[in-house]
Amino acid sequence: MKPKLLIVDDEEHIRNGLKTALSLDGYDVEVAADGEEALKKLDMEDIDLLITDLKMPKLTGEELMKETLRKYPHIPVIVLTGHGTIENAVEAMRQGAYDFITKPLNIDKLSLIVKRALENSSLKRQNRELLKQLKRKYSFENIIGKSPAMKKVFETIELVAPSKANVLIYGESGTGKEMIADAIHHNSPRRDKPYIKVHCAAIPETLLESELFGHEKGAFTGAVARKRGRFELANHGTIFLDEIGELSLQMQVKLLRVIQEREFVRVGGEESIKVDVRIISATNKDLKEAVKNGTFREDLYYRLNVVSIYVPPLRERKDDIPLLVHKFIEEFSKENNKQIDGITNGALQALISYDWPGNVRELRNVIESIVVLTKNKIITEEDIPHY
């Protein structure tokens, strides 16, 4: 379907000349002699782009532009101006016009501006549609995906969240395992109870037992007061153990006891403390292989892995990249108070063709950098880093 243009000028020879020239470019062109006639046509027809003179009787081009952008903000406006009114044209651009061109008109230049304006408008429309899709059917608790692999993840979350079952989430670093743990807890009957996160690899082995189970006063040098551990703090709620594959065999034994007996003893203590905690764990390691190698206990593996969720790397779900890109563009545009209206197909294909070893985390960081550094309203191939 041809894009439909509306040309508004009180000089008949100009509007008819432009109609002839732009029709040869393949556009469906309507004309109006003044702003009032133009508004009627805008209300009655699906106009894709407006070209208007600034100086006209009855309704000025500036007034027409303001009313058009108020009622139809998606329609790009190009203003025509004489040499003496360039300042007015610049002011019109400040108020939302896409561009301006001075009389006498250079048809080739106008054709190029029209082409770019329509491409820009099309990208904006695609971006709006993708964002609508994101909000409507391709997201779950801020996790984005329409690929079959991610649909399976969403289905599993919905099935497992209402249960008490322990869940093991596995996949490469940067795939979003923690977000999946969050989604499970926030959709579970424990959603209003404590949700405690422990990044096992970030805590030194010598401190991990105290961190998980707490300690009594005087249990070791520096233990000046009793401390409640993460399991105690998570009672009746959920504990998320990230990088579970990093636990030593000694710590694995103690974790197994908590799961089996639903109780533990603080470091330096004697009293058993009962707990009711759901465990969600995550790893980027192959725990089955670790069991074979003797670095991870088989009994603990099966206790943690009542239900497993595999999160595929981004290179295995490239259908999700456009959705993620548009989500991150919107997020970082708002965060940095910038107006980024979309991304060209060439730039998007460059992002899709990359393998993303750092997965969603890497893509998110790249889009944030692009949004911060670009001077354009549309992200182009020039904005994409070279890998």
Protein backbone atom coordinates (compact mmCIF):
# COMPACT_ATOMS: atom_id res chain seq x y z
CA MET A 1 0.00 0.00 0.00
CA LYS A 2 1.39 3.39 -1.04
CA PRO A 3 2.16 5.94 1.71
CA LYS A 4 -0.36 8.80 1.55
CA LEU A 5 0.95 12.38 1.68
CA LEU A 6 -1.02 15.58 2.25
CA ILE A 7 0.38 18.79 0.73
CA VAL A 8 -0.99 22.10 2.01
CA ASP A 9 -0.19 25.39 0.25
CA ASP A 10 -2.35 28.36 -0.71
CA GLU A 11 -0.48 28.69 -4.02
CA GLU A 12 -2.09 26.31 -6.50
CA HIS A 13 0.93 25.94 -8.79
CA ILE A 14 3.14 24.90 -5.84
CA ARG A 15 0.80 22.28 -4.40
CA ASN A 16 -0.02 20.82 -7.81
CA GLY A 17 3.64 20.81 -8.84
CA LEU A 18 4.58 18.98 -5.64
CA LYS A 19 1.73 16.52 -6.16
CA THR A 20 3.00 15.66 -9.64
CA ALA A 21 6.63 15.30 -8.52
CA LEU A 22 5.93 13.19 -5.42
CA SER A 23 3.39 11.03 -7.25
CA LEU A 24 6.23 10.06 -9.60
CA ASP A 25 8.12 8.86 -6.50
CA GLY A 26 5.35 6.35 -5.91
CA TYR A 27 3.29 8.15 -3.26
CA ASP A 28 -0.47 8.65 -3.07
CA VAL A 29 -0.74 12.45 -2.81
CA GLU A 30 -3.66 14.60 -1.57
CA VAL A 31 -3.67 18.42 -1.63
CA ALA A 32 -5.39 21.17 0.35
CA ALA A 33 -5.49 24.93 -0.27
CA ASP A 34 -5.54 25.94 3.41
CA GLY A 35 -5.25 24.64 6.96
CA GLU A 36 -8.98 24.19 7.54
CA GLU A 37 -9.35 22.00 4.45
CA ALA A 38 -6.26 20.06 5.54
CA LEU A 39 -7.72 19.31 8.98
CA LYS A 40 -10.87 17.91 7.39
CA LYS A 41 -8.79 15.60 5.19
CA LEU A 42 -6.68 14.54 8.17
CA ASP A 43 -9.87 13.58 10.02
CA MET A 44 -11.31 11.66 7.07
CA GLU A 45 -8.29 9.90 5.56
CA ASP A 46 -5.28 7.90 6.77
CA ILE A 47 -2.48 10.37 6.10
CA ASP A 48 1.10 9.16 6.58
CA LEU A 49 2.92 12.50 6.18
CA LEU A 50 2.00 16.20 6.09
CA ILE A 51 3.83 18.85 4.04
CA THR A 52 2.62 22.38 4.81
CA ASP A 53 3.53 25.94 3.97
CA LEU A 54 4.00 28.18 7.01
CA LYS A 55 2.46 31.38 5.68
CA MET A 56 -1.19 30.78 4.77
CA PRO A 57 -4.50 32.64 5.28
CA LYS A 58 -7.15 31.48 7.77
CA LEU A 59 -5.11 28.85 9.62
CA THR A 60 -1.32 29.25 9.54
CA GLY A 61 1.01 26.34 8.86
CA GLU A 62 2.28 26.53 12.43
CA GLU A 63 -1.27 26.28 13.80
CA LEU A 64 -2.02 23.39 11.44
CA MET A 65 1.12 21.59 12.58
CA LYS A 66 0.27 22.01 16.28
CA GLU A 67 -3.26 20.69 15.77
CA THR A 68 -2.01 17.78 13.66
CA LEU A 69 0.58 16.73 16.24
CA ARG A 70 -1.98 17.06 19.02
CA LYS A 71 -4.51 14.79 17.29
CA TYR A 72 -2.16 12.59 15.26
CA PRO A 73 1.28 12.59 16.94
CA HIS A 74 2.47 9.73 14.71
CA ILE A 75 2.26 11.86 11.51
CA PRO A 76 5.59 13.51 10.59
CA VAL A 77 5.30 17.14 9.47
CA ILE A 78 7.58 18.86 6.94
CA VAL A 79 7.26 22.65 6.68
CA LEU A 80 7.86 24.81 3.60
CA THR A 81 9.23 28.28 4.17
CA GLY A 82 10.56 31.30 2.31
CA HIS A 83 14.05 32.62 3.06
CA GLY A 84 12.60 35.33 5.28
CA THR A 85 10.84 32.90 7.58
CA ILE A 86 13.61 30.38 8.33
CA GLU A 87 13.50 31.36 12.01
CA ASN A 88 9.84 30.36 12.08
CA ALA A 89 10.71 27.02 10.48
CA VAL A 90 13.38 26.35 13.09
CA GLU A 91 10.84 27.18 15.80
CA ALA A 92 8.40 24.76 14.16
CA MET A 93 11.01 22.01 14.43
CA ARG A 94 11.41 22.79 18.13
CA GLN A 95 7.67 22.26 18.45
CA GLY A 96 7.72 18.89 16.71
CA ALA A 97 8.14 19.29 12.94
CA TYR A 98 10.33 16.59 11.38
CA ASP A 99 12.19 18.98 9.05
CA PHE A 100 11.84 22.07 6.85
CA ILE A 101 12.81 23.07 3.32
CA THR A 102 13.12 26.56 1.87
CA LYS A 103 11.56 27.98 -1.28
CA PRO A 104 12.29 27.87 -4.17
CA LEU A 105 11.98 24.15 -3.62
CA ASN A 106 14.63 21.59 -4.50
CA ILE A 107 12.50 18.56 -5.40
CA ASP A 108 15.33 16.05 -5.01
CA LYS A 109 16.06 17.35 -1.53
CA LEU A 110 12.37 17.27 -0.60
CA SER A 111 12.07 13.68 -1.91
CA LEU A 112 14.96 12.62 0.32
CA ILE A 113 13.44 14.33 3.38
CA VAL A 114 10.07 12.67 2.70
CA LYS A 115 11.72 9.24 2.35
CA ARG A 116 13.63 9.65 5.62
CA ALA A 117 10.58 10.96 7.47
CA LEU A 118 8.49 7.96 6.39
CA GLU A 119 11.28 5.52 7.33
CA ASN A 120 11.53 7.21 10.73
CA SER A 121 7.76 7.01 11.18
CA SER A 122 7.75 3.33 10.20
CA LEU A 123 10.47 2.52 12.74
CA LYS A 124 8.53 4.35 15.45
CA ARG A 125 5.42 2.36 14.57
CA GLN A 126 7.33 -0.94 14.66
CA ASN A 127 8.78 0.03 18.03
CA ARG A 128 5.32 0.84 19.42
CA GLU A 129 3.97 -2.50 18.17
CA LEU A 130 6.85 -4.46 19.68
CA LEU A 131 6.40 -2.72 23.03
CA LYS A 132 2.67 -3.52 22.93
CA GLN A 133 3.53 -7.16 22.24
CA LEU A 134 5.98 -7.15 25.12
CA LYS A 135 3.38 -5.87 27.55
CA ARG A 136 0.62 -8.08 26.15
CA LYS A 137 2.06 -11.56 25.71
CA TYR A 138 5.84 -11.84 25.65
CA SER A 139 6.77 -11.04 29.22
CA PHE A 140 6.48 -12.75 32.57
CA GLU A 141 7.57 -10.84 35.68
CA ASN A 142 9.89 -8.68 33.49
CA ILE A 143 11.42 -11.77 31.83
CA ILE A 144 11.21 -11.30 28.07
CA GLY A 145 10.84 -13.99 25.42
CA LYS A 146 8.69 -15.38 22.63
CA SER A 147 10.98 -18.26 21.58
CA PRO A 148 9.77 -21.82 22.23
CA ALA A 149 12.52 -22.25 24.84
CA MET A 150 11.37 -19.23 26.84
CA LYS A 151 7.70 -20.18 26.53
CA LYS A 152 8.66 -23.49 28.15
CA VAL A 153 10.41 -21.58 30.95
CA PHE A 154 7.29 -19.45 31.54
CA GLU A 155 5.07 -22.54 31.60
CA THR A 156 7.33 -24.25 34.14
CA ILE A 157 7.37 -21.17 36.38
CA GLU A 158 3.56 -21.07 36.37
CA LEU A 159 3.36 -24.77 37.24
CA VAL A 160 6.02 -24.85 39.95
CA ALA A 161 5.41 -21.49 41.66
CA PRO A 162 2.28 -22.56 43.64
CA SER A 163 4.03 -25.68 44.98
CA LYS A 164 6.51 -26.18 47.82
CA ALA A 165 9.02 -27.99 45.59
CA ASN A 166 12.68 -27.00 45.58
CA VAL A 167 13.81 -25.71 42.19
CA LEU A 168 17.21 -25.85 40.48
CA ILE A 169 17.75 -23.24 37.75
CA TYR A 170 20.72 -23.85 35.49
CA GLY A 171 22.25 -22.08 32.51
CA GLU A 172 25.16 -19.88 31.49
CA SER A 173 26.08 -16.69 33.32
CA GLY A 174 23.99 -13.69 32.31
CA THR A 175 20.93 -15.63 31.16
CA GLY A 176 18.62 -14.29 33.88
CA LYS A 177 18.50 -17.14 36.40
CA GLU A 178 17.97 -14.78 39.34
CA MET A 179 14.99 -13.14 37.61
CA ILE A 180 13.42 -16.58 37.22
CA ALA A 181 13.94 -17.27 40.92
CA ASP A 182 12.28 -13.91 41.66
CA ALA A 183 9.32 -14.83 39.44
CA ILE A 184 8.84 -18.17 41.21
CA HIS A 185 8.82 -16.57 44.67
CA HIS A 186 6.58 -13.64 43.69
CA ASN A 187 4.00 -16.00 42.18
CA SER A 188 4.05 -18.45 45.09
CA PRO A 189 1.89 -18.62 48.25
CA ARG A 190 5.02 -17.39 50.08
CA ARG A 191 5.12 -14.11 48.14
CA ASP A 192 4.38 -12.05 51.28
CA LYS A 193 6.97 -13.92 53.35
CA PRO A 194 10.74 -13.31 53.48
CA TYR A 195 12.77 -13.76 50.30
CA ILE A 196 16.47 -14.04 51.08
CA LYS A 197 19.23 -14.19 48.46
CA VAL A 198 22.69 -15.68 48.98
CA HIS A 199 25.43 -15.49 46.36
CA CYS A 200 27.49 -18.45 47.53
CA ALA A 201 30.63 -17.69 45.51
CA ALA A 202 30.81 -14.13 46.88
CA ILE A 203 31.16 -15.25 50.52
CA PRO A 204 34.48 -16.68 51.77
CA GLU A 205 34.27 -20.34 52.78
CA THR A 206 35.30 -19.47 56.36
CA LEU A 207 32.30 -17.14 56.72
CA LEU A 208 29.69 -19.04 54.72
CA GLU A 209 28.48 -21.32 57.52
CA SER A 210 27.94 -18.35 59.82
CA GLU A 211 26.23 -16.44 57.00
CA LEU A 212 23.82 -19.29 56.26
CA PHE A 213 23.11 -20.59 59.76
CA GLY A 214 24.12 -17.74 62.07
CA HIS A 215 26.33 -17.93 65.15
CA GLU A 216 26.22 -17.55 68.91
CA LYS A 217 28.08 -14.88 70.83
CA GLY A 218 31.70 -15.94 71.32
CA ALA A 219 31.53 -18.71 68.70
CA PHE A 220 34.74 -17.38 67.15
CA THR A 221 36.98 -14.34 67.32
CA GLY A 222 34.89 -11.32 66.42
CA ALA A 223 31.55 -12.94 67.25
CA VAL A 224 30.59 -10.24 69.76
CA ALA A 225 26.85 -10.94 69.55
CA ARG A 226 24.42 -13.60 68.44
CA LYS A 227 23.64 -13.40 64.73
CA ARG A 228 20.70 -14.93 62.88
CA GLY A 229 21.65 -16.65 59.64
CA ARG A 230 20.02 -16.42 56.23
CA PHE A 231 18.00 -19.62 56.72
CA GLU A 232 16.55 -18.31 59.96
CA LEU A 233 15.72 -14.98 58.31
CA ALA A 234 13.99 -16.83 55.46
CA ASN A 235 11.73 -18.88 57.76
CA HIS A 236 8.27 -19.43 56.18
CA GLY A 237 9.59 -17.86 52.98
CA THR A 238 12.09 -18.61 50.23
CA ILE A 239 15.89 -18.68 50.10
CA PHE A 240 17.71 -18.30 46.79
CA LEU A 241 21.15 -19.91 46.71
CA ASP A 242 22.98 -18.59 43.65
CA GLU A 243 26.10 -20.37 42.36
CA ILE A 244 25.24 -23.45 44.42
CA GLY A 245 27.91 -25.43 42.56
CA GLU A 246 30.61 -23.48 44.40
CA LEU A 247 29.79 -25.01 47.81
CA SER A 248 32.48 -27.18 49.40
CA LEU A 249 31.65 -30.80 50.23
CA GLN A 250 31.68 -29.90 53.94
CA MET A 251 29.09 -27.15 53.40
CA GLN A 252 27.05 -29.46 51.18
CA VAL A 253 26.65 -31.89 54.11
CA LYS A 254 25.32 -29.11 56.34
CA LEU A 255 22.92 -27.88 53.67
CA LEU A 256 21.66 -31.43 53.13
CA ARG A 257 20.84 -31.71 56.85
CA VAL A 258 18.74 -28.55 56.71
CA ILE A 259 16.78 -29.90 53.74
CA GLN A 260 16.26 -33.37 55.23
CA GLU A 261 15.55 -32.45 58.84
CA ARG A 262 14.29 -28.87 58.40
CA GLU A 263 16.50 -27.74 61.23
CA PHE A 264 20.03 -26.49 61.89
CA VAL A 265 22.31 -25.37 64.70
CA ARG A 266 23.98 -21.96 64.79
CA VAL A 267 27.80 -21.95 64.76
CA GLY A 268 28.91 -22.31 68.37
CA GLY A 269 25.40 -23.28 69.48
CA GLU A 270 23.68 -26.43 70.72
CA GLU A 271 20.00 -25.73 70.19
CA SER A 272 18.36 -27.00 66.98
CA ILE A 273 16.33 -24.34 65.20
CA LYS A 274 13.36 -25.50 63.13
CA VAL A 275 12.74 -23.79 59.79
CA ASP A 276 10.22 -23.97 56.96
CA VAL A 277 12.07 -22.68 53.90
CA ARG A 278 11.67 -23.26 50.20
CA ILE A 279 15.02 -23.50 48.41
CA ILE A 280 15.57 -22.17 44.92
CA SER A 281 19.13 -22.66 43.71
CA ALA A 282 20.99 -21.69 40.57
CA THR A 283 24.21 -22.70 38.88
CA ASN A 284 26.16 -22.21 35.67
CA LYS A 285 27.94 -25.54 36.25
CA ASP A 286 27.01 -29.02 35.04
CA LEU A 287 26.04 -30.51 38.42
CA LYS A 288 25.47 -33.97 36.92
CA GLU A 289 29.10 -33.96 35.83
CA ALA A 290 30.13 -32.64 39.25
CA VAL A 291 28.29 -35.58 40.86
CA LYS A 292 30.20 -38.00 38.61
CA ASN A 293 33.48 -36.29 39.52
CA GLY A 294 32.71 -36.45 43.22
CA THR A 295 32.72 -32.68 43.74
CA PHE A 296 28.97 -32.47 44.37
CA ARG A 297 26.93 -34.82 46.53
CA GLU A 298 24.41 -36.91 44.63
CA ASP A 299 21.89 -36.91 47.51
CA LEU A 300 22.03 -33.12 47.75
CA TYR A 301 21.66 -32.80 43.98
CA TYR A 302 18.38 -34.72 43.99
CA ARG A 303 17.09 -32.80 47.02
CA LEU A 304 17.71 -29.49 45.28
CA ASN A 305 16.61 -30.66 41.84
CA VAL A 306 12.98 -31.61 42.50
CA VAL A 307 12.11 -29.41 39.51
CA SER A 308 14.75 -28.10 37.13
CA ILE A 309 14.53 -25.12 34.79
CA TYR A 310 17.03 -24.72 31.97
CA VAL A 311 17.61 -21.15 30.82
CA PRO A 312 19.02 -21.19 27.28
CA PRO A 313 21.83 -18.85 26.22
CA LEU A 314 20.86 -15.91 24.02
CA ARG A 315 22.52 -17.47 20.95
CA GLU A 316 19.96 -20.30 21.17
CA ARG A 317 16.97 -17.93 21.27
CA LYS A 318 17.76 -15.18 18.79
CA ASP A 319 14.04 -14.63 18.16
CA ASP A 320 14.02 -12.90 21.55
CA ILE A 321 16.75 -10.36 20.71
CA PRO A 322 14.46 -7.77 18.98
CA LEU A 323 12.08 -7.84 21.96
CA LEU A 324 14.93 -7.44 24.44
CA VAL A 325 16.53 -4.65 22.40
CA HIS A 326 13.31 -2.61 22.28
CA LYS A 327 12.68 -3.20 25.99
CA PHE A 328 16.18 -1.99 26.90
CA ILE A 329 15.95 1.02 24.54
CA GLU A 330 12.73 2.10 26.26
CA GLU A 331 14.19 1.46 29.73
CA PHE A 332 17.43 3.38 29.22
CA SER A 333 15.82 6.20 27.22
CA LYS A 334 13.61 6.96 30.21
CA GLU A 335 16.47 6.51 32.67
CA ASN A 336 18.72 8.92 30.76
CA ASN A 337 15.96 11.36 29.75
CA LYS A 338 16.59 10.78 26.04
CA GLN A 339 14.19 10.29 23.15
CA ILE A 340 15.23 7.19 21.21
CA ASP A 341 12.42 6.23 18.85
CA GLY A 342 13.72 2.90 17.60
CA ILE A 343 16.44 1.05 15.73
CA THR A 344 17.08 0.46 12.03
CA ASN A 345 16.76 -3.04 10.58
CA GLY A 346 20.46 -3.04 9.72
CA ALA A 347 21.47 -2.23 13.29
CA LEU A 348 19.07 -4.84 14.65
CA GLN A 349 20.47 -7.50 12.31
CA ALA A 350 23.99 -6.66 13.50
CA LEU A 351 22.89 -7.33 17.09
CA ILE A 352 21.09 -10.54 16.10
CA SER A 353 24.14 -11.90 14.24
CA TYR A 354 26.41 -11.60 17.31
CA ASP A 355 26.68 -14.65 19.60
CA TRP A 356 26.46 -12.78 22.95
CA PRO A 357 28.78 -14.88 25.18
CA GLY A 358 27.66 -12.72 28.10
CA ASN A 359 24.02 -13.37 27.20
CA VAL A 360 21.18 -11.01 28.22
CA ARG A 361 23.42 -9.20 30.71
CA GLU A 362 25.88 -8.30 27.94
CA LEU A 363 23.11 -7.21 25.55
CA ARG A 364 21.60 -5.02 28.26
CA ASN A 365 24.95 -3.33 28.93
CA VAL A 366 25.56 -2.74 25.20
CA ILE A 367 22.14 -1.12 24.69
CA GLU A 368 22.63 1.09 27.75
CA SER A 369 25.96 2.29 26.31
CA ILE A 370 24.43 2.91 22.88
CA VAL A 371 21.53 4.92 24.33
CA VAL A 372 23.89 7.05 26.42
CA LEU A 373 26.35 7.74 23.58
CA THR A 374 24.15 8.11 20.48
CA LYS A 375 23.28 11.54 19.13
CA ASN A 376 20.48 10.10 16.98
CA LYS A 377 16.81 9.49 17.68
CA ILE A 378 17.04 6.25 15.71
CA ILE A 379 19.84 3.79 16.50
CA THR A 380 21.79 2.95 13.34
CA GLU A 381 24.57 0.52 12.40
CA GLU A 382 27.10 3.26 13.17
CA ASP A 383 26.02 3.11 16.83
CA ILE A 384 26.67 -0.65 17.12
CA PRO A 385 30.07 -1.66 18.59
CA HIS A 386 32.35 -3.69 16.31
CA TYR A 387 33.08 -7.15 17.70
